[in-house]
């Protein structure tokens, strides 16, 4: 099976069976989504959604957050991963957002990544979800799943994965494809125990096909 055939099959299955795929983070404004995505780094969306209601009640806009200190923010984020650094990043992000962008969340990856604590993945999420631009955010789930199912080969870092996916996935589908891969990795193609027998994309999955060949070979012996 060629890489192109694999992409066509997998994209086709998701398009038909998971037409509506979106983030599981709860948010109401671009500012809230930016904060939530920053908090979600190496942390579950479920945990972030438990934390953000109180955080957003206390700091409803970047203006309020910019006037806070990391010590003010810490009690609200102490249950997420790396709370000290995230509290510092959130305050610094809000301050630059106010000082440079007048409180408006930028709409380009280049501008977003000038904000403290905002990497390329977070920036791609924002431009895709908030501004509807074609972008592929690569987090740990996307990086792992893309390699396992065969959409990438020997990717060394998220940027390589991003470029490979962007090269093969139609631009209008990039935003949804990001969520397809995240949710697939979260609920089906899990890291330790992938549910291959219940997986809709198994016919195109490199991992599954290799597994079946190995089973056939073993049975032949």
C-alpha atoms as a PDB file:
ATOM      1  CA  UNK A   1       0.000   0.000   0.000  1.00  0.00           C
ATOM      2  CA  UNK A   2       1.364   3.406  -0.945  1.00  0.00           C
ATOM      3  CA  UNK A   3       1.408   6.370   1.415  1.00  0.00           C
ATOM      4  CA  UNK A   4      -1.110   8.138  -0.830  1.00  0.00           C
ATOM      5  CA  UNK A   5      -3.492   5.164  -0.694  1.00  0.00           C
ATOM      6  CA  UNK A   6      -3.181   5.079   3.078  1.00  0.00           C
ATOM      7  CA  UNK A   7      -4.001   8.781   3.392  1.00  0.00           C
ATOM      8  CA  UNK A   8      -6.968   8.475   1.029  1.00  0.00           C
ATOM      9  CA  UNK A   9      -8.389   5.500   2.909  1.00  0.00           C
ATOM     10  CA  UNK A  10      -7.940   6.943   6.391  1.00  0.00           C
ATOM     11  CA  UNK A  11      -9.203  10.423   5.498  1.00  0.00           C
ATOM     12  CA  UNK A  12     -12.163   8.894   3.691  1.00  0.00           C
ATOM     13  CA  UNK A  13     -13.133   6.775   6.689  1.00  0.00           C
ATOM     14  CA  UNK A  14     -12.902   9.659   9.137  1.00  0.00           C
ATOM     15  CA  UNK A  15     -14.788  11.985   6.799  1.00  0.00           C
ATOM     16  CA  UNK A  16     -17.669   9.527   6.597  1.00  0.00           C
ATOM     17  CA  UNK A  17     -17.708   8.267  10.159  1.00  0.00           C
ATOM     18  CA  UNK A  18     -16.425  11.241  12.169  1.00  0.00           C
ATOM     19  CA  UNK A  19     -17.553  14.266  10.140  1.00  0.00           C
ATOM     20  CA  UNK A  20     -17.795  16.516  13.197  1.00  0.00           C
ATOM     21  CA  UNK A  21     -14.604  16.440  15.218  1.00  0.00           C
ATOM     22  CA  UNK A  22     -13.701  19.261  17.573  1.00  0.00           C
ATOM     23  CA  UNK A  23     -11.670  20.082  20.649  1.00  0.00           C
ATOM     24  CA  UNK A  24     -12.817  18.710  23.998  1.00  0.00           C
ATOM     25  CA  UNK A  25     -11.520  21.786  25.799  1.00  0.00           C
ATOM     26  CA  UNK A  26     -14.227  24.099  27.120  1.00  0.00           C
ATOM     27  CA  UNK A  27     -13.963  27.755  26.133  1.00  0.00           C
ATOM     28  CA  UNK A  28     -16.078  30.752  25.131  1.00  0.00           C
ATOM     29  CA  UNK A  29     -13.555  33.232  23.750  1.00  0.00           C
ATOM     30  CA  UNK A  30     -10.215  33.128  21.904  1.00  0.00           C
ATOM     31  CA  UNK A  31      -8.503  34.193  25.127  1.00  0.00           C
ATOM     32  CA  UNK A  32     -10.065  31.296  27.032  1.00  0.00           C
ATOM     33  CA  UNK A  33      -9.057  28.797  24.368  1.00  0.00           C
ATOM     34  CA  UNK A  34      -5.497  30.097  24.381  1.00  0.00           C
ATOM     35  CA  UNK A  35      -5.290  29.696  28.157  1.00  0.00           C
ATOM     36  CA  UNK A  36      -6.852  26.234  28.028  1.00  0.00           C
ATOM     37  CA  UNK A  37      -4.484  24.994  25.329  1.00  0.00           C
ATOM     38  CA  UNK A  38      -1.492  26.326  27.247  1.00  0.00           C
ATOM     39  CA  UNK A  39      -2.667  24.472  30.346  1.00  0.00           C
ATOM     40  CA  UNK A  40      -3.261  21.269  28.363  1.00  0.00           C
ATOM     41  CA  UNK A  41       0.425  20.716  27.596  1.00  0.00           C
ATOM     42  CA  UNK A  42       1.274  17.301  29.052  1.00  0.00           C
ATOM     43  CA  UNK A  43      -2.056  17.360  30.862  1.00  0.00           C
ATOM     44  CA  UNK A  44      -5.456  15.879  30.072  1.00  0.00           C
ATOM     45  CA  UNK A  45      -8.287  17.969  28.671  1.00  0.00           C
ATOM     46  CA  UNK A  46     -10.493  16.580  31.435  1.00  0.00           C
ATOM     47  CA  UNK A  47      -8.237  18.045  34.097  1.00  0.00           C
ATOM     48  CA  UNK A  48      -7.995  21.374  32.305  1.00  0.00           C
ATOM     49  CA  UNK A  49     -11.788  21.582  32.057  1.00  0.00           C
ATOM     50  CA  UNK A  50     -11.997  21.064  35.806  1.00  0.00           C
ATOM     51  CA  UNK A  51      -9.585  23.931  36.428  1.00  0.00           C
ATOM     52  CA  UNK A  52     -10.648  26.624  33.981  1.00  0.00           C
ATOM     53  CA  UNK A  53     -14.127  27.587  35.270  1.00  0.00           C
ATOM     54  CA  UNK A  54     -12.731  29.058  38.487  1.00  0.00           C
ATOM     55  CA  UNK A  55      -9.704  30.476  36.676  1.00  0.00           C
ATOM     56  CA  UNK A  56     -11.865  32.281  34.113  1.00  0.00           C
ATOM     57  CA  UNK A  57     -14.228  33.541  36.785  1.00  0.00           C
ATOM     58  CA  UNK A  58     -11.278  35.150  38.562  1.00  0.00           C
ATOM     59  CA  UNK A  59      -9.484  36.295  35.385  1.00  0.00           C
ATOM     60  CA  UNK A  60     -12.199  36.655  32.711  1.00  0.00           C
ATOM     61  CA  UNK A  61      -9.999  38.561  30.233  1.00  0.00           C
ATOM     62  CA  UNK A  62      -6.338  38.990  29.462  1.00  0.00           C
ATOM     63  CA  UNK A  63      -6.528  42.438  31.073  1.00  0.00           C
ATOM     64  CA  UNK A  64      -7.289  40.934  34.488  1.00  0.00           C
ATOM     65  CA  UNK A  65      -4.732  38.170  34.014  1.00  0.00           C
ATOM     66  CA  UNK A  66      -2.043  40.655  32.986  1.00  0.00           C
ATOM     67  CA  UNK A  67      -2.508  42.487  36.274  1.00  0.00           C
ATOM     68  CA  UNK A  68      -1.973  39.336  38.319  1.00  0.00           C
ATOM     69  CA  UNK A  69       1.174  37.661  39.572  1.00  0.00           C
ATOM     70  CA  UNK A  70       2.120  34.007  39.124  1.00  0.00           C
ATOM     71  CA  UNK A  71       1.388  33.550  42.832  1.00  0.00           C
ATOM     72  CA  UNK A  72      -2.141  34.839  42.217  1.00  0.00           C
ATOM     73  CA  UNK A  73      -2.666  32.341  39.421  1.00  0.00           C
ATOM     74  CA  UNK A  74      -1.014  29.314  41.003  1.00  0.00           C
ATOM     75  CA  UNK A  75      -3.903  28.275  43.304  1.00  0.00           C
ATOM     76  CA  UNK A  76      -6.172  27.978  40.280  1.00  0.00           C
ATOM     77  CA  UNK A  77      -3.787  25.798  38.245  1.00  0.00           C
ATOM     78  CA  UNK A  78      -2.002  23.840  40.964  1.00  0.00           C
ATOM     79  CA  UNK A  79      -3.625  20.548  39.926  1.00  0.00           C
ATOM     80  CA  UNK A  80      -2.347  20.632  36.336  1.00  0.00           C
ATOM     81  CA  UNK A  81       1.102  19.517  35.264  1.00  0.00           C
ATOM     82  CA  UNK A  82       3.956  21.990  35.843  1.00  0.00           C
ATOM     83  CA  UNK A  83       1.747  24.542  37.636  1.00  0.00           C
ATOM     84  CA  UNK A  84       4.543  26.920  38.601  1.00  0.00           C
ATOM     85  CA  UNK A  85       5.861  27.413  35.093  1.00  0.00           C
ATOM     86  CA  UNK A  86       2.364  27.538  33.610  1.00  0.00           C
ATOM     87  CA  UNK A  87       1.304  30.233  36.069  1.00  0.00           C
ATOM     88  CA  UNK A  88       4.342  32.286  35.047  1.00  0.00           C
ATOM     89  CA  UNK A  89       3.688  31.722  31.342  1.00  0.00           C
ATOM     90  CA  UNK A  90       0.032  32.687  31.622  1.00  0.00           C
ATOM     91  CA  UNK A  91       0.768  36.009  33.276  1.00  0.00           C
ATOM     92  CA  UNK A  92       3.597  36.850  30.857  1.00  0.00           C
ATOM     93  CA  UNK A  93       1.427  35.841  27.907  1.00  0.00           C
ATOM     94  CA  UNK A  94      -1.406  38.085  29.067  1.00  0.00           C
ATOM     95  CA  UNK A  95       0.907  41.020  29.630  1.00  0.00           C
ATOM     96  CA  UNK A  96       2.297  40.842  26.095  1.00  0.00           C
ATOM     97  CA  UNK A  97      -1.174  40.249  24.715  1.00  0.00           C
ATOM     98  CA  UNK A  98      -2.294  43.504  26.325  1.00  0.00           C
ATOM     99  CA  UNK A  99       0.830  45.544  25.633  1.00  0.00           C
ATOM    100  CA  UNK A 100       1.446  44.491  22.027  1.00  0.00           C
ATOM    101  CA  UNK A 101      -1.903  43.296  20.679  1.00  0.00           C
ATOM    102  CA  UNK A 102      -4.387  45.311  22.717  1.00  0.00           C
ATOM    103  CA  UNK A 103      -5.857  42.156  24.231  1.00  0.00           C
ATOM    104  CA  UNK A 104      -6.706  40.580  20.869  1.00  0.00           C
ATOM    105  CA  UNK A 105      -5.414  37.059  20.310  1.00  0.00           C
ATOM    106  CA  UNK A 106      -3.224  37.179  17.171  1.00  0.00           C
ATOM    107  CA  UNK A 107      -4.276  35.252  14.076  1.00  0.00           C
ATOM    108  CA  UNK A 108      -0.869  34.116  12.831  1.00  0.00           C
ATOM    109  CA  UNK A 109       1.475  31.421  14.081  1.00  0.00           C
ATOM    110  CA  UNK A 110       4.391  33.856  13.879  1.00  0.00           C
ATOM    111  CA  UNK A 111       2.739  36.370  16.206  1.00  0.00           C
ATOM    112  CA  UNK A 112       1.301  33.796  18.584  1.00  0.00           C
ATOM    113  CA  UNK A 113       4.680  32.165  19.153  1.00  0.00           C
ATOM    114  CA  UNK A 114       6.062  35.474  20.434  1.00  0.00           C
ATOM    115  CA  UNK A 115       3.835  34.991  23.482  1.00  0.00           C
ATOM    116  CA  UNK A 116       5.548  33.290  26.389  1.00  0.00           C
ATOM    117  CA  UNK A 117       4.550  29.659  26.784  1.00  0.00           C
ATOM    118  CA  UNK A 118       3.017  29.462  23.304  1.00  0.00           C
ATOM    119  CA  UNK A 119       4.739  26.980  21.018  1.00  0.00           C
ATOM    120  CA  UNK A 120       3.982  26.042  17.448  1.00  0.00           C
ATOM    121  CA  UNK A 121       1.430  23.394  18.442  1.00  0.00           C
ATOM    122  CA  UNK A 122      -0.581  25.809  20.557  1.00  0.00           C
ATOM    123  CA  UNK A 123      -0.378  28.482  17.876  1.00  0.00           C
ATOM    124  CA  UNK A 124      -1.635  26.081  15.208  1.00  0.00           C
ATOM    125  CA  UNK A 125      -4.580  25.113  17.407  1.00  0.00           C
ATOM    126  CA  UNK A 126      -5.571  28.765  17.808  1.00  0.00           C
ATOM    127  CA  UNK A 127      -5.317  29.767  14.148  1.00  0.00           C
ATOM    128  CA  UNK A 128      -7.207  26.629  13.136  1.00  0.00           C
ATOM    129  CA  UNK A 129     -10.063  26.709  15.652  1.00  0.00           C
ATOM    130  CA  UNK A 130     -10.480  30.447  16.219  1.00  0.00           C
ATOM    131  CA  UNK A 131      -9.653  31.792  12.769  1.00  0.00           C
ATOM    132  CA  UNK A 132     -10.469  28.813  10.566  1.00  0.00           C
ATOM    133  CA  UNK A 133      -7.067  28.768   8.890  1.00  0.00           C
ATOM    134  CA  UNK A 134      -5.609  25.531   7.502  1.00  0.00           C
ATOM    135  CA  UNK A 135      -3.137  24.369  10.119  1.00  0.00           C
ATOM    136  CA  UNK A 136      -2.036  21.044  11.579  1.00  0.00           C
ATOM    137  CA  UNK A 137      -1.247  21.119  15.278  1.00  0.00           C
ATOM    138  CA  UNK A 138       0.935  18.186  16.319  1.00  0.00           C
ATOM    139  CA  UNK A 139       0.775  17.137  19.949  1.00  0.00           C
ATOM    140  CA  UNK A 140       1.935  13.854  21.482  1.00  0.00           C
ATOM    141  CA  UNK A 141      -1.180  11.996  20.302  1.00  0.00           C
ATOM    142  CA  UNK A 142      -0.903  13.215  16.716  1.00  0.00           C
ATOM    143  CA  UNK A 143       2.853  12.550  16.618  1.00  0.00           C
ATOM    144  CA  UNK A 144       2.428   9.007  17.943  1.00  0.00           C
ATOM    145  CA  UNK A 145      -0.684   8.010  16.003  1.00  0.00           C
ATOM    146  CA  UNK A 146       0.520   9.384  12.662  1.00  0.00           C
ATOM    147  CA  UNK A 147       3.679   7.311  12.930  1.00  0.00           C
ATOM    148  CA  UNK A 148       1.953   4.160  14.129  1.00  0.00           C
ATOM    149  CA  UNK A 149      -0.741   4.069  11.453  1.00  0.00           C
ATOM    150  CA  UNK A 150       1.734   4.973   8.711  1.00  0.00           C
ATOM    151  CA  UNK A 151       0.905   8.542   7.773  1.00  0.00           C
ATOM    152  CA  UNK A 152       4.514   9.396   8.596  1.00  0.00           C
ATOM    153  CA  UNK A 153       7.693   7.376   8.484  1.00  0.00           C
ATOM    154  CA  UNK A 154      10.493   7.847  11.005  1.00  0.00           C
ATOM    155  CA  UNK A 155       9.474  11.381  11.954  1.00  0.00           C
ATOM    156  CA  UNK A 156      12.008  12.749  14.386  1.00  0.00           C
ATOM    157  CA  UNK A 157      10.012  15.682  15.737  1.00  0.00           C
ATOM    158  CA  UNK A 158       6.557  17.323  15.589  1.00  0.00           C
ATOM    159  CA  UNK A 159       7.595  19.716  12.816  1.00  0.00           C
ATOM    160  CA  UNK A 160       8.491  16.814  10.506  1.00  0.00           C
ATOM    161  CA  UNK A 161       5.142  15.219  11.281  1.00  0.00           C
ATOM    162  CA  UNK A 162       3.320  18.493  10.648  1.00  0.00           C
ATOM    163  CA  UNK A 163       4.978  18.936   7.255  1.00  0.00           C
ATOM    164  CA  UNK A 164       4.208  15.367   6.193  1.00  0.00           C
ATOM    165  CA  UNK A 165       0.548  15.651   7.154  1.00  0.00           C
ATOM    166  CA  UNK A 166       0.119  19.063   5.545  1.00  0.00           C
ATOM    167  CA  UNK A 167       1.625  17.699   2.332  1.00  0.00           C
ATOM    168  CA  UNK A 168      -1.003  14.952   2.020  1.00  0.00           C
ATOM    169  CA  UNK A 169      -4.171  16.210   3.712  1.00  0.00           C
ATOM    170  CA  UNK A 170      -6.348  18.694   1.785  1.00  0.00           C
ATOM    171  CA  UNK A 171      -6.116  22.148   3.391  1.00  0.00           C
ATOM    172  CA  UNK A 172      -9.857  22.408   4.195  1.00  0.00           C
ATOM    173  CA  UNK A 173      -9.603  19.184   6.236  1.00  0.00           C
ATOM    174  CA  UNK A 174      -6.465  19.965   8.242  1.00  0.00           C
ATOM    175  CA  UNK A 175      -8.297  21.336  11.272  1.00  0.00           C
ATOM    176  CA  UNK A 176     -10.631  18.357  11.496  1.00  0.00           C
ATOM    177  CA  UNK A 177      -7.786  15.924  10.788  1.00  0.00           C
ATOM    178  CA  UNK A 178      -5.955  17.278  13.829  1.00  0.00           C
ATOM    179  CA  UNK A 179      -8.944  16.348  16.003  1.00  0.00           C
ATOM    180  CA  UNK A 180      -9.465  13.037  14.216  1.00  0.00           C
ATOM    181  CA  UNK A 181      -5.964  11.930  15.128  1.00  0.00           C
ATOM    182  CA  UNK A 182      -6.089  13.275  18.682  1.00  0.00           C
ATOM    183  CA  UNK A 183      -9.397  11.626  19.502  1.00  0.00           C
ATOM    184  CA  UNK A 184      -8.384   8.408  17.762  1.00  0.00           C
ATOM    185  CA  UNK A 185      -5.234   8.275  19.858  1.00  0.00           C
ATOM    186  CA  UNK A 186      -7.116   9.120  23.023  1.00  0.00           C
ATOM    187  CA  UNK A 187      -9.913   6.574  22.728  1.00  0.00           C
ATOM    188  CA  UNK A 188      -8.986   3.882  20.179  1.00  0.00           C
ATOM    189  CA  UNK A 189      -5.318   3.864  19.200  1.00  0.00           C
ATOM    190  CA  UNK A 190      -4.082   4.190  22.768  1.00  0.00           C
ATOM    191  CA  UNK A 191      -0.377   4.064  23.484  1.00  0.00           C
ATOM    192  CA  UNK A 192      -0.249   0.813  25.456  1.00  0.00           C
ATOM    193  CA  UNK A 193      -3.272  -1.143  24.281  1.00  0.00           C
ATOM    194  CA  UNK A 194      -4.572  -0.081  20.864  1.00  0.00           C
ATOM    195  CA  UNK A 195      -8.038  -1.445  20.128  1.00  0.00           C
ATOM    196  CA  UNK A 196      -7.178  -2.756  16.674  1.00  0.00           C
ATOM    197  CA  UNK A 197     -10.107  -5.153  16.426  1.00  0.00           C
ATOM    198  CA  UNK A 198     -12.550  -2.266  16.899  1.00  0.00           C
ATOM    199  CA  UNK A 199     -10.673   0.220  14.744  1.00  0.00           C
ATOM    200  CA  UNK A 200     -12.372   1.526  11.620  1.00  0.00           C
ATOM    201  CA  UNK A 201      -9.126   2.488   9.911  1.00  0.00           C
ATOM    202  CA  UNK A 202      -7.462  -0.885  10.499  1.00  0.00           C
ATOM    203  CA  UNK A 203      -7.549  -1.787   6.760  1.00  0.00           C
ATOM    204  CA  UNK A 204      -5.164   1.090   6.058  1.00  0.00           C
ATOM    205  CA  UNK A 205      -3.140   1.033   9.292  1.00  0.00           C
ATOM    206  CA  UNK A 206       0.516   0.102   8.852  1.00  0.00           C
ATOM    207  CA  UNK A 207       0.782  -1.202  12.419  1.00  0.00           C
ATOM    208  CA  UNK A 208      -2.261  -3.448  12.041  1.00  0.00           C
ATOM    209  CA  UNK A 209      -1.181  -4.812   8.675  1.00  0.00           C
ATOM    210  CA  UNK A 210       2.264  -5.653  10.031  1.00  0.00           C
ATOM    211  CA  UNK A 211       0.666  -7.303  13.023  1.00  0.00           C
ATOM    212  CA  UNK A 212      -1.582  -9.455  10.825  1.00  0.00           C
ATOM    213  CA  UNK A 213       1.339 -10.484   8.610  1.00  0.00           C
ATOM    214  CA  UNK A 214       3.318 -11.522  11.679  1.00  0.00           C
ATOM    215  CA  UNK A 215       0.377 -13.593  12.913  1.00  0.00           C
ATOM    216  CA  UNK A 216       0.016 -15.283   9.522  1.00  0.00           C
ATOM    217  CA  UNK A 217       3.723 -16.048   9.447  1.00  0.00           C
ATOM    218  CA  UNK A 218       3.603 -17.506  12.936  1.00  0.00           C
ATOM    219  CA  UNK A 219       0.568 -19.619  12.075  1.00  0.00           C
ATOM    220  CA  UNK A 220       2.334 -20.927   8.972  1.00  0.00           C
ATOM    221  CA  UNK A 221       5.154 -22.229  11.069  1.00  0.00           C
END
